Amino acid sequence: MKRFMAIIMILLMATSTPVFGAIVTNADPWAEASMEYAYNQGIITEENLLDAKREITRLEFCKIVVLLYEKSAGEKLVPQNESPFTDCNAPAVIAAYEAGIISGTEPTKFEPNASLTREQLAILLNRILYVWGITLTSGTEKYAFSDISNLMEPSIDVIHKVKAAGILVGEDDGKFYPMRALTFQEAVIGLVKMCRYAEDKKNTDDNAKAGEEADTPEELHQTPVEPPLAEAPSPSEEGEKSANAYETVYIKDKAISLGETSGQLKALWGDPDRVDTTVYGLKRYVYLGDYENYFFVTLREDKIIEIFVPTRLFTYLGTKGGGTSADIKQLNYISLVEHSGIVDTDTTHASIPLDYKGIISGILLQEKEFAYGNYVKSGLTAAERENIEAELLDIIQAKRKEEGLPLLTVVPKLSAGALSHSKDMVENDFLSYTGSDGSNPFTRIMAQQITFTSASEVIAKQRGDVTNVYQQWIRTPAQLESLLDPSVDLMGIGAAQKGKELYVTVDFCGGVKED
């Protein structure tokens, strides 16, 4: 699938930091997630967020598409010739035309200021996928919608294709409304759905290819070539026989492997600093390492099934923290959902988180059955909730230590206020920096009788464990910048759960005077 691996490696770019680390938009609730995603990718602006419901022009959409292409392909689209259009000489339009992504409304006209229609969006999304090496197929219905029969046959065919792919669907009345002008939020949702489809298509094709290779008769195979193993030190002399390289993470030349017992772990690493209980109801051994060598492992029936390192100080299959997605060895694909590099085998699943700049920022190595299972339980005990808060605190401290920043001091009053906001979000089913009572982070902190010179708040809503919260934090520029703010020295953290989703609030303060 030509260029596909480059295309899905979308590197999140730094953007301006909104107040409280929040992303503010006037988008409808059903569009907020897609608008936030596009903003974090750096392909739409804060101004677009605040004006999400206005119509988008053909030129504006073209610029977004070019940014998406450039960030994913890692190369600039530079015009090679003069504009083919008499009414537009924008470099983005010329470059996109030359790349085969866009065309004019007529041979010599682009109509840059005209509103983008649903028919045009379908055509453009289909072309982008084609450039990425993905060919959509038509659905089985002759006319998928009741209002497209009068369109030209190529347009009807494309609309069938994007509908069959689930990228663009019609309204409840069975109509597509091909000539209807699109808003910013509608166009962005189409792009995000297209990216999700591309990722799913890549994963499906890879699995099918692997199956075909497995079914090939042995006598037709040439001499097999083994994949390169990790460029990592040999396991220590105290260890048992060398583990499968895909099961082993190294932290400063010391190995940890899936399948090891707690006794084997402690023989090399000593006793853990804490033994936590988790959202899985399993034991977790936490090693603080003065926050320089922080990691934890999760055990089931006294065997390690999960290893997590939230810093750059690790080696896995020769992959080291601090590089980019291009440096990940044995990479299968980049997950756009997790913004992580994925390395899968029949028995292991490695997720290598990338921060918003695309830098390798840790590793989560799990037994595959555990990674793809549904083991998160609903209903945290008080001890489990406190363990989650402690682990999130650890992660923040480890990230700050990694950047040479001073560690933070936890203030119980700040934690109480943070927990109150997390519970408010759970009980009233929302995710926002504005409380159900109209409060904001500043007023909530001041309500704890704390006077400050600087303050910020970071929130999260993630299904699963603290590892999922970590991935959200580092791929969101404003949130990571708040965690690493050098002007703060105090913090409070509070976590709550609804179903299997964690709601987390972290409050930061600097220059504090307690009233």
Protein backbone atom coordinates (compact mmCIF):
# COMPACT_ATOMS: atom_id res chain seq x y z
CA MET A 1 0.00 0.00 0.00
CA LYS A 2 2.07 2.87 -1.34
CA ARG A 3 3.19 5.57 1.06
CA PHE A 4 0.71 4.36 3.64
CA MET A 5 3.06 3.90 6.56
CA ALA A 6 4.37 7.42 6.07
CA ILE A 7 0.88 8.80 5.74
CA ILE A 8 -0.46 7.44 9.04
CA MET A 9 2.55 8.65 11.03
CA ILE A 10 0.90 11.97 11.87
CA LEU A 11 3.12 14.02 14.14
CA LEU A 12 1.29 16.27 16.58
CA MET A 13 2.61 19.79 16.42
CA ALA A 14 2.88 22.37 19.20
CA THR A 15 0.15 24.99 19.28
CA SER A 16 -0.69 27.96 21.45
CA THR A 17 -1.70 27.09 24.98
CA PRO A 18 -5.31 27.99 25.84
CA VAL A 19 -6.32 29.13 29.32
CA PHE A 20 -6.29 26.29 31.89
CA GLY A 21 -4.85 23.98 29.22
CA ALA A 22 -8.39 23.57 27.88
CA ILE A 23 -9.53 23.59 24.29
CA VAL A 24 -12.43 25.99 23.82
CA THR A 25 -14.74 25.60 20.84
CA ASN A 26 -18.26 26.53 19.84
CA ALA A 27 -18.62 23.22 18.00
CA ASP A 28 -21.66 21.09 18.66
CA PRO A 29 -21.10 18.30 21.24
CA TRP A 30 -21.02 15.63 18.53
CA ALA A 31 -18.17 17.46 16.77
CA GLU A 32 -16.02 18.53 19.73
CA ALA A 33 -13.78 15.44 19.78
CA SER A 34 -12.98 15.69 16.07
CA MET A 35 -12.30 19.43 16.28
CA GLU A 36 -9.99 18.91 19.27
CA TYR A 37 -8.20 16.11 17.42
CA ALA A 38 -7.63 18.29 14.34
CA TYR A 39 -6.47 21.20 16.52
CA ASN A 40 -3.97 18.99 18.34
CA GLN A 41 -2.71 17.76 14.97
CA GLY A 42 -2.00 21.40 14.07
CA ILE A 43 -4.22 21.34 10.97
CA ILE A 44 -6.84 23.80 12.22
CA THR A 45 -6.38 26.93 14.30
CA GLU A 46 -7.81 28.24 17.54
CA GLU A 47 -9.85 30.66 15.43
CA ASN A 48 -11.39 27.68 13.63
CA LEU A 49 -12.29 26.15 17.01
CA LEU A 50 -14.12 29.29 18.02
CA ASP A 51 -15.98 29.52 14.71
CA ALA A 52 -16.68 25.84 14.02
CA LYS A 53 -20.24 26.34 12.79
CA ARG A 54 -19.57 28.73 9.92
CA GLU A 55 -19.32 27.47 6.37
CA ILE A 56 -15.90 26.39 5.15
CA THR A 57 -14.60 27.55 1.78
CA ARG A 58 -12.92 25.41 -0.82
CA LEU A 59 -9.62 27.23 -0.25
CA GLU A 60 -9.78 26.78 3.53
CA PHE A 61 -10.42 23.06 3.19
CA CYS A 62 -7.61 22.75 0.65
CA LYS A 63 -5.16 24.33 3.11
CA ILE A 64 -6.23 21.88 5.84
CA VAL A 65 -5.76 18.93 3.49
CA VAL A 66 -2.29 20.13 2.51
CA LEU A 67 -1.28 20.50 6.18
CA LEU A 68 -2.56 16.99 6.88
CA TYR A 69 -0.59 15.61 3.96
CA GLU A 70 2.61 17.45 4.91
CA LYS A 71 2.50 16.40 8.55
CA SER A 72 1.75 12.78 7.70
CA ALA A 73 4.16 12.41 4.79
CA GLY A 74 6.94 14.42 6.43
CA GLU A 75 7.52 16.57 3.38
CA LYS A 76 6.41 19.95 2.09
CA LEU A 77 4.12 20.21 -0.91
CA VAL A 78 5.88 22.81 -3.06
CA PRO A 79 4.29 24.07 -6.30
CA GLN A 80 6.36 23.19 -9.35
CA ASN A 81 4.45 25.18 -11.95
CA GLU A 82 2.17 28.18 -12.39
CA SER A 83 -1.43 27.94 -11.23
CA PRO A 84 -3.72 26.10 -13.66
CA PHE A 85 -6.58 28.29 -12.45
CA THR A 86 -7.36 31.82 -13.51
CA ASP A 87 -9.10 32.69 -10.23
CA CYS A 88 -6.64 31.33 -7.66
CA ASN A 89 -2.85 31.27 -7.31
CA ALA A 90 -2.64 30.11 -3.68
CA PRO A 91 0.44 27.85 -3.25
CA ALA A 92 -1.59 25.26 -1.32
CA VAL A 93 -4.07 24.94 -4.17
CA ILE A 94 -1.37 24.61 -6.82
CA ALA A 95 0.56 22.02 -4.80
CA ALA A 96 -2.56 20.01 -4.00
CA TYR A 97 -3.59 20.08 -7.65
CA GLU A 98 -0.17 18.82 -8.74
CA ALA A 99 -0.34 16.05 -6.13
CA GLY A 100 -3.66 14.88 -7.56
CA ILE A 101 -5.62 15.77 -4.42
CA ILE A 102 -7.88 18.54 -5.74
CA SER A 103 -9.25 19.77 -9.03
CA GLY A 104 -11.21 22.77 -10.18
CA THR A 105 -14.93 23.25 -10.61
CA GLU A 106 -14.13 23.92 -14.28
CA PRO A 107 -10.92 23.36 -16.26
CA THR A 108 -9.56 26.82 -15.43
CA LYS A 109 -11.56 27.74 -12.31
CA PHE A 110 -11.13 26.73 -8.68
CA GLU A 111 -13.67 29.06 -6.99
CA PRO A 112 -11.58 29.43 -3.80
CA ASN A 113 -14.16 31.45 -1.89
CA ALA A 114 -17.12 29.22 -2.71
CA SER A 115 -18.46 27.05 0.09
CA LEU A 116 -17.41 23.41 0.09
CA THR A 117 -20.34 21.11 -0.62
CA ARG A 118 -21.01 17.57 0.55
CA GLU A 119 -20.56 16.24 -2.99
CA GLN A 120 -17.17 17.96 -3.25
CA LEU A 121 -16.10 16.65 0.16
CA ALA A 122 -16.89 13.08 -0.90
CA ILE A 123 -14.79 13.50 -4.04
CA LEU A 124 -11.86 15.05 -2.16
CA LEU A 125 -11.79 12.38 0.56
CA ASN A 126 -11.85 9.66 -2.07
CA ARG A 127 -8.93 11.33 -3.87
CA ILE A 128 -6.89 11.69 -0.68
CA LEU A 129 -7.30 7.99 0.07
CA TYR A 130 -6.32 7.15 -3.51
CA VAL A 131 -3.14 9.21 -3.15
CA TRP A 132 -2.48 7.25 0.06
CA GLY A 133 -2.77 4.00 -1.89
CA ILE A 134 -6.31 3.07 -0.76
CA THR A 135 -8.99 2.36 -3.36
CA LEU A 136 -12.57 2.48 -2.08
CA THR A 137 -15.17 0.09 -3.48
CA SER A 138 -18.80 0.91 -4.21
CA GLY A 139 -21.72 -0.29 -2.18
CA THR A 140 -24.29 -2.69 -3.60
CA GLU A 141 -27.15 -0.21 -3.80
CA LYS A 142 -27.74 1.49 -7.14
CA TYR A 143 -28.76 4.72 -5.46
CA ALA A 144 -27.73 4.78 -1.82
CA PHE A 145 -29.60 8.05 -1.33
CA SER A 146 -32.86 9.30 -2.78
CA ASP A 147 -31.46 12.66 -3.94
CA ILE A 148 -28.32 11.80 -5.92
CA SER A 149 -29.74 10.21 -9.08
CA ASN A 150 -29.44 13.49 -11.01
CA LEU A 151 -25.72 13.83 -10.32
CA MET A 152 -23.07 12.84 -12.84
CA GLU A 153 -22.23 9.14 -12.70
CA PRO A 154 -18.67 9.64 -11.32
CA SER A 155 -20.09 11.62 -8.38
CA ILE A 156 -22.73 8.97 -7.68
CA ASP A 157 -20.02 6.31 -7.69
CA VAL A 158 -17.83 8.25 -5.25
CA ILE A 159 -20.73 8.92 -2.88
CA HIS A 160 -21.51 5.18 -2.90
CA LYS A 161 -17.90 4.47 -2.01
CA VAL A 162 -17.60 6.86 0.93
CA LYS A 163 -20.95 5.68 2.27
CA ALA A 164 -19.93 2.01 2.02
CA ALA A 165 -16.73 2.90 3.91
CA GLY A 166 -18.75 4.63 6.64
CA ILE A 167 -16.90 7.91 6.08
CA LEU A 168 -19.86 10.05 4.98
CA VAL A 169 -23.43 9.07 5.67
CA GLY A 170 -26.74 10.70 4.88
CA GLU A 171 -29.50 12.15 6.98
CA ASP A 172 -32.29 10.25 8.71
CA ASP A 173 -34.62 11.05 5.82
CA GLY A 174 -32.51 8.95 3.42
CA LYS A 175 -31.02 11.93 1.61
CA PHE A 176 -27.39 12.93 1.10
CA TYR A 177 -27.93 16.63 0.31
CA PRO A 178 -24.96 16.77 -2.11
CA MET A 179 -25.18 20.51 -2.78
CA ARG A 180 -25.46 21.56 0.85
CA ALA A 181 -22.63 23.80 2.07
CA LEU A 182 -20.52 22.31 4.85
CA THR A 183 -19.49 23.87 8.14
CA PHE A 184 -15.96 23.66 9.50
CA GLN A 185 -17.00 21.02 12.01
CA GLU A 186 -18.68 18.83 9.36
CA ALA A 187 -15.66 18.98 7.06
CA VAL A 188 -13.28 18.15 9.93
CA ILE A 189 -15.39 15.16 10.99
CA GLY A 190 -15.14 13.85 7.42
CA LEU A 191 -11.35 14.13 7.52
CA VAL A 192 -11.08 12.42 10.90
CA LYS A 193 -13.35 9.56 9.79
CA MET A 194 -11.22 9.18 6.69
CA CYS A 195 -8.07 8.86 8.84
CA ARG A 196 -9.75 6.27 11.07
CA TYR A 197 -10.82 4.29 8.00
CA ALA A 198 -7.27 4.42 6.63
CA GLU A 199 -5.85 3.04 9.86
CA ASP A 200 -8.44 0.25 10.05
CA LYS A 201 -7.81 -0.61 6.40
CA LYS A 202 -4.08 -0.85 7.01
CA ASN A 203 -4.57 -3.15 10.03
CA THR A 204 -7.04 -5.38 8.15
CA ASP A 205 -4.78 -5.69 5.12
CA ASP A 206 -1.76 -6.49 7.28
CA ASN A 207 -3.66 -9.24 9.09
CA ALA A 208 -4.89 -10.68 5.79
CA LYS A 209 -1.39 -10.65 4.38
CA ALA A 210 -0.05 -12.39 7.45
CA GLY A 211 -2.77 -15.04 7.09
CA GLU A 212 -1.94 -15.62 3.43
CA GLU A 213 1.72 -16.06 4.25
CA ALA A 214 0.87 -18.50 7.04
CA ASP A 215 -1.25 -20.57 4.61
CA THR A 216 1.45 -20.77 1.93
CA PRO A 217 2.67 -24.39 1.58
CA GLU A 218 6.01 -24.89 3.26
CA GLU A 219 7.70 -26.14 0.09
CA LEU A 220 6.94 -22.81 -1.63
CA HIS A 221 8.80 -20.81 1.00
CA GLN A 222 12.32 -19.68 0.39
CA THR A 223 14.89 -19.83 3.18
CA PRO A 224 13.28 -17.77 5.96
CA VAL A 225 14.89 -14.57 7.09
CA GLU A 226 14.63 -13.97 10.81
CA PRO A 227 13.69 -10.43 11.86
CA PRO A 228 16.51 -8.54 13.58
CA LEU A 229 16.42 -8.88 17.34
CA ALA A 230 16.98 -6.21 19.90
CA GLU A 231 20.27 -4.33 19.90
CA ALA A 232 20.28 -4.56 23.66
CA PRO A 233 22.60 -5.88 26.37
CA SER A 234 22.46 -9.52 27.36
CA PRO A 235 20.31 -10.37 30.38
CA SER A 236 22.15 -10.33 33.70
CA GLU A 237 23.89 -13.41 34.99
CA GLU A 238 21.34 -13.79 37.78
CA GLY A 239 18.50 -14.20 35.31
CA GLU A 240 17.16 -17.40 33.87
CA LYS A 241 17.62 -18.26 30.21
CA SER A 242 17.45 -15.38 27.73
CA ALA A 243 13.85 -14.28 27.19
CA ASN A 244 12.24 -13.67 23.84
CA ALA A 245 13.37 -10.20 22.75
CA TYR A 246 9.77 -9.14 22.13
CA GLU A 247 8.98 -9.83 25.80
CA THR A 248 11.83 -7.80 27.30
CA VAL A 249 12.30 -4.14 28.18
CA TYR A 250 15.66 -2.77 29.34
CA ILE A 251 15.99 0.11 31.76
CA LYS A 252 19.63 1.22 32.04
CA ASP A 253 20.88 -2.19 30.92
CA LYS A 254 18.73 -4.13 33.38
CA ALA A 255 16.06 -6.38 31.92
CA ILE A 256 12.40 -6.92 32.80
CA SER A 257 10.47 -9.59 30.91
CA LEU A 258 6.87 -10.63 30.56
CA GLY A 259 6.27 -13.96 32.25
CA GLU A 260 8.79 -13.40 35.02
CA THR A 261 7.69 -14.08 38.58
CA SER A 262 7.77 -11.53 41.38
CA GLY A 263 10.72 -13.42 42.82
CA GLN A 264 12.72 -13.07 39.61
CA LEU A 265 11.84 -9.39 39.42
CA LYS A 266 12.92 -8.71 43.00
CA ALA A 267 16.16 -10.70 42.57
CA LEU A 268 17.29 -8.10 40.03
CA TRP A 269 15.44 -4.96 41.08
CA GLY A 270 14.90 -5.43 44.80
CA ASP A 271 11.63 -4.91 46.64
CA PRO A 272 9.17 -2.47 45.03
CA ASP A 273 8.58 0.93 46.60
CA ARG A 274 4.83 0.21 46.58
CA VAL A 275 2.48 -2.63 45.83
CA ASP A 276 -0.71 -1.12 44.39
CA THR A 277 -4.06 -2.55 43.45
CA THR A 278 -5.34 -1.62 40.01
CA VAL A 279 -8.45 -1.09 37.90
CA TYR A 280 -7.97 -4.73 36.88
CA GLY A 281 -8.09 -6.00 40.45
CA LEU A 282 -4.46 -7.14 40.04
CA LYS A 283 -1.27 -6.40 41.94
CA ARG A 284 1.11 -3.78 40.59
CA TYR A 285 4.73 -3.45 41.69
CA VAL A 286 5.85 0.19 41.51
CA TYR A 287 9.54 1.11 41.38
CA LEU A 288 10.15 4.82 41.89
CA GLY A 289 13.90 4.84 41.16
CA ASP A 290 14.11 8.38 42.52
CA TYR A 291 11.85 9.18 39.52
CA GLU A 292 14.83 8.69 37.19
CA ASN A 293 14.20 4.98 36.54
CA TYR A 294 10.47 4.89 37.25
CA PHE A 295 8.48 1.91 36.03
CA PHE A 296 5.75 -0.44 37.16
CA VAL A 297 4.72 -3.98 36.33
CA THR A 298 1.33 -5.64 36.68
CA LEU A 299 1.15 -9.28 37.78
CA ARG A 300 -1.46 -11.98 37.37
CA GLU A 301 -1.01 -15.28 39.21
CA ASP A 302 2.48 -14.00 40.16
CA LYS A 303 3.55 -13.57 36.52
CA ILE A 304 4.33 -10.22 34.88
CA ILE A 305 1.77 -9.46 32.19
CA GLU A 306 2.43 -5.71 31.80
CA ILE A 307 5.47 -3.43 31.90
CA PHE A 308 5.11 0.36 31.77
CA VAL A 309 7.82 3.02 31.50
CA PRO A 310 6.57 6.64 31.05
CA THR A 311 9.97 8.15 30.21
CA ARG A 312 12.60 7.97 27.49
CA LEU A 313 14.97 5.80 29.58
CA PHE A 314 14.23 2.41 28.06
CA THR A 315 15.26 0.11 25.22
CA TYR A 316 12.96 -2.31 23.43
CA LEU A 317 14.03 -4.30 20.36
CA GLY A 318 16.70 -1.67 19.81
CA THR A 319 14.16 1.16 20.02
CA LYS A 320 15.16 3.85 22.47
CA GLY A 321 13.21 6.72 23.93
CA GLY A 322 13.80 10.17 22.48
CA GLY A 323 13.65 9.16 18.84
CA THR A 324 10.70 9.49 16.47
CA SER A 325 8.26 7.02 14.97
CA ALA A 326 10.76 6.42 12.16
CA ASP A 327 13.15 4.95 14.77
CA ILE A 328 10.74 2.29 16.05
CA LYS A 329 12.10 -1.16 15.23
CA GLN A 330 9.74 -3.88 13.97
CA LEU A 331 6.94 -1.29 13.71
CA ASN A 332 3.59 -2.68 12.55
CA TYR A 333 1.65 0.58 12.38
CA ILE A 334 1.00 3.91 14.08
CA SER A 335 -2.26 4.06 16.01
CA LEU A 336 -4.00 7.37 15.36
CA VAL A 337 -6.25 6.72 18.34
CA GLU A 338 -3.44 6.17 20.85
CA HIS A 339 -0.86 8.22 18.92
CA SER A 340 1.56 5.37 19.56
CA GLY A 341 3.73 3.03 17.56
CA ILE A 342 2.44 -0.54 17.73
CA VAL A 343 4.60 -3.65 17.65
CA ASP A 344 2.49 -6.82 17.74
CA THR A 345 3.37 -10.51 17.82
CA ASP A 346 1.16 -13.54 18.41
CA THR A 347 1.75 -13.24 22.17
CA THR A 348 2.81 -9.64 22.89
CA HIS A 349 1.52 -6.12 22.30
CA ALA A 350 3.85 -3.15 22.62
CA SER A 351 2.46 0.39 22.51
CA ILE A 352 5.16 3.07 22.21
CA PRO A 353 3.59 6.46 23.05
CA LEU A 354 4.54 9.53 21.01
CA ASP A 355 4.18 13.00 22.48
CA TYR A 356 2.63 15.87 20.54
CA LYS A 357 5.96 16.54 18.84
CA GLY A 358 6.19 12.93 17.72
CA ILE A 359 8.93 12.00 20.23
CA ILE A 360 9.06 8.47 21.67
CA SER A 361 8.05 8.96 25.31
CA GLY A 362 7.77 5.54 26.91
CA ILE A 363 6.58 2.00 26.41
CA LEU A 364 3.66 -0.15 27.48
CA LEU A 365 4.44 -3.82 26.88
CA GLN A 366 1.65 -6.33 27.58
CA GLU A 367 0.72 -9.92 27.00
CA LYS A 368 -1.48 -9.74 23.92
CA GLU A 369 -4.39 -11.58 25.50
CA PHE A 370 -4.38 -9.06 28.34
CA ALA A 371 -3.95 -6.05 26.03
CA TYR A 372 -6.94 -6.98 23.88
CA GLY A 373 -9.09 -8.25 26.73
CA ASN A 374 -11.70 -6.30 28.64
CA TYR A 375 -10.39 -6.64 32.18
CA VAL A 376 -11.05 -3.17 33.59
CA LYS A 377 -13.58 -3.49 36.39
CA SER A 378 -16.22 -0.99 37.40
CA GLY A 379 -16.39 0.27 40.95
CA LEU A 380 -13.10 1.33 42.50
CA THR A 381 -12.41 0.87 46.18
CA ALA A 382 -11.03 3.85 48.10
CA ALA A 383 -7.61 2.15 48.13
CA GLU A 384 -7.68 1.57 44.37
CA ARG A 385 -8.62 5.18 43.72
CA GLU A 386 -5.77 6.37 45.92
CA ASN A 387 -3.38 4.06 44.08
CA ILE A 388 -4.47 5.56 40.74
CA GLU A 389 -3.83 9.06 42.08
CA ALA A 390 -0.41 7.98 43.40
CA GLU A 391 0.56 6.48 40.04
CA LEU A 392 -0.53 9.57 38.12
CA LEU A 393 1.49 11.68 40.57
CA ASP A 394 4.48 9.39 39.97
CA ILE A 395 4.16 9.83 36.21
CA ILE A 396 4.06 13.63 36.49
CA GLN A 397 7.09 13.64 38.79
CA ALA A 398 9.01 11.30 36.47
CA LYS A 399 8.28 13.52 33.47
CA ARG A 400 9.41 16.63 35.35
CA LYS A 401 12.60 14.91 36.54
CA GLU A 402 13.27 13.87 32.97
CA GLU A 403 13.08 17.52 31.87
CA GLY A 404 15.29 18.77 34.74
CA LEU A 405 12.36 20.46 36.49
CA PRO A 406 11.83 20.52 40.28
CA LEU A 407 9.44 17.95 41.69
CA LEU A 408 6.05 19.07 42.96
CA THR A 409 4.69 19.00 46.49
CA VAL A 410 1.19 17.59 46.95
CA VAL A 411 -1.15 19.86 48.91
CA PRO A 412 -4.10 18.00 50.48
CA LYS A 413 -6.43 20.99 50.02
CA LEU A 414 -5.63 21.11 46.30
CA SER A 415 -6.24 17.37 46.03
CA ALA A 416 -9.59 17.76 47.79
CA GLY A 417 -10.65 20.41 45.29
CA ALA A 418 -9.43 18.32 42.35
CA LEU A 419 -11.30 15.26 43.59
CA SER A 420 -14.45 17.33 44.04
CA HIS A 421 -14.31 18.44 40.40
CA SER A 422 -13.69 14.87 39.17
CA LYS A 423 -16.72 13.67 41.16
CA ASP A 424 -18.77 16.58 39.79
CA MET A 425 -17.93 15.48 36.22
CA VAL A 426 -18.84 11.88 37.03
CA GLU A 427 -22.10 12.66 38.79
CA ASN A 428 -23.26 15.16 36.17
CA ASP A 429 -21.86 13.32 33.14
CA PHE A 430 -19.65 16.00 31.55
CA LEU A 431 -16.00 16.76 30.82
CA SER A 432 -15.13 20.42 31.18
CA TYR A 433 -12.97 22.90 33.04
CA THR A 434 -16.21 24.63 34.02
CA GLY A 435 -17.98 22.97 36.93
CA SER A 436 -21.70 22.28 37.06
CA ASP A 437 -21.98 25.25 39.43
CA GLY A 438 -20.22 27.57 36.97
CA SER A 439 -16.88 27.45 38.80
CA ASN A 440 -13.57 27.48 36.96
CA PRO A 441 -10.12 26.20 38.01
CA PHE A 442 -9.13 29.52 39.53
CA THR A 443 -12.25 29.92 41.64
CA ARG A 444 -12.10 26.29 42.76
CA ILE A 445 -8.49 26.71 43.91
CA MET A 446 -9.28 29.97 45.70
CA ALA A 447 -12.21 28.26 47.41
CA GLN A 448 -9.59 26.14 49.22
CA GLN A 449 -8.22 29.37 50.78
CA ILE A 450 -5.13 29.31 48.59
CA THR A 451 -3.68 32.49 47.06
CA PHE A 452 -1.34 32.00 44.10
CA THR A 453 0.58 33.86 41.43
CA SER A 454 0.16 31.16 38.77
CA ALA A 455 -2.21 28.25 38.42
CA SER A 456 -3.50 25.78 35.86
CA GLU A 457 -5.62 22.67 35.63
CA VAL A 458 -5.45 19.50 33.54
CA ILE A 459 -8.36 17.09 33.20
CA ALA A 460 -8.81 13.76 31.49
CA LYS A 461 -11.51 11.24 30.72
CA GLN A 462 -10.15 7.90 29.60
CA ARG A 463 -11.51 4.38 29.52
CA GLY A 464 -9.04 2.07 31.22
CA ASP A 465 -5.96 2.67 33.31
CA VAL A 466 -3.44 5.39 34.17
CA THR A 467 -1.50 4.40 31.04
CA ASN A 468 -4.39 5.65 28.90
CA VAL A 469 -4.48 8.95 30.80
CA TYR A 470 -0.73 9.33 30.24
CA GLN A 471 -1.13 8.86 26.51
CA GLN A 472 -3.78 11.57 26.41
CA TRP A 473 -1.66 14.01 28.40
CA ILE A 474 1.47 13.74 26.27
CA ARG A 475 -0.30 13.93 22.91
CA THR A 476 -2.13 17.12 23.91
CA PRO A 477 0.22 20.13 23.78
CA ALA A 478 -1.56 22.32 26.33
CA GLN A 479 -1.88 19.50 28.85
CA LEU A 480 1.75 18.36 28.65
CA GLU A 481 2.94 21.95 28.91
CA SER A 482 0.88 22.37 32.08
CA LEU A 483 2.42 19.21 33.59
CA LEU A 484 5.88 20.60 32.81
CA ASP A 485 5.24 24.21 33.82
CA PRO A 486 8.40 25.44 35.61
CA SER A 487 6.48 28.21 37.39
CA VAL A 488 4.47 25.85 39.60
CA ASP A 489 5.65 23.94 42.65
CA LEU A 490 2.46 22.59 44.25
CA MET A 491 -0.22 20.28 42.99
CA GLY A 492 -3.33 18.34 43.90
CA ILE A 493 -4.85 15.37 42.12
CA GLY A 494 -8.23 13.65 42.28
CA ALA A 495 -9.58 10.67 40.34
CA ALA A 496 -13.08 9.22 40.07
CA GLN A 497 -14.60 6.46 37.98
CA LYS A 498 -17.86 6.06 36.06
CA GLY A 499 -18.36 2.64 34.59
CA LYS A 500 -14.92 1.80 33.27
CA GLU A 501 -13.93 5.41 32.55
CA LEU A 502 -11.53 7.40 34.71
CA TYR A 503 -12.14 11.10 35.30
CA VAL A 504 -9.01 12.90 36.49
CA THR A 505 -8.38 16.46 37.64
CA VAL A 506 -4.93 17.86 38.44
CA ASP A 507 -4.51 21.38 39.84
CA PHE A 508 -1.16 23.20 39.80
CA CYS A 509 -0.11 26.33 41.70
CA GLY A 510 2.93 28.55 41.99
CA GLY A 511 3.75 31.34 44.43
CA VAL A 512 1.23 29.98 46.89
CA LYS A 513 0.17 31.68 50.09
CA GLU A 514 -2.35 29.78 52.14
CA ASP A 515 -4.96 32.08 53.71
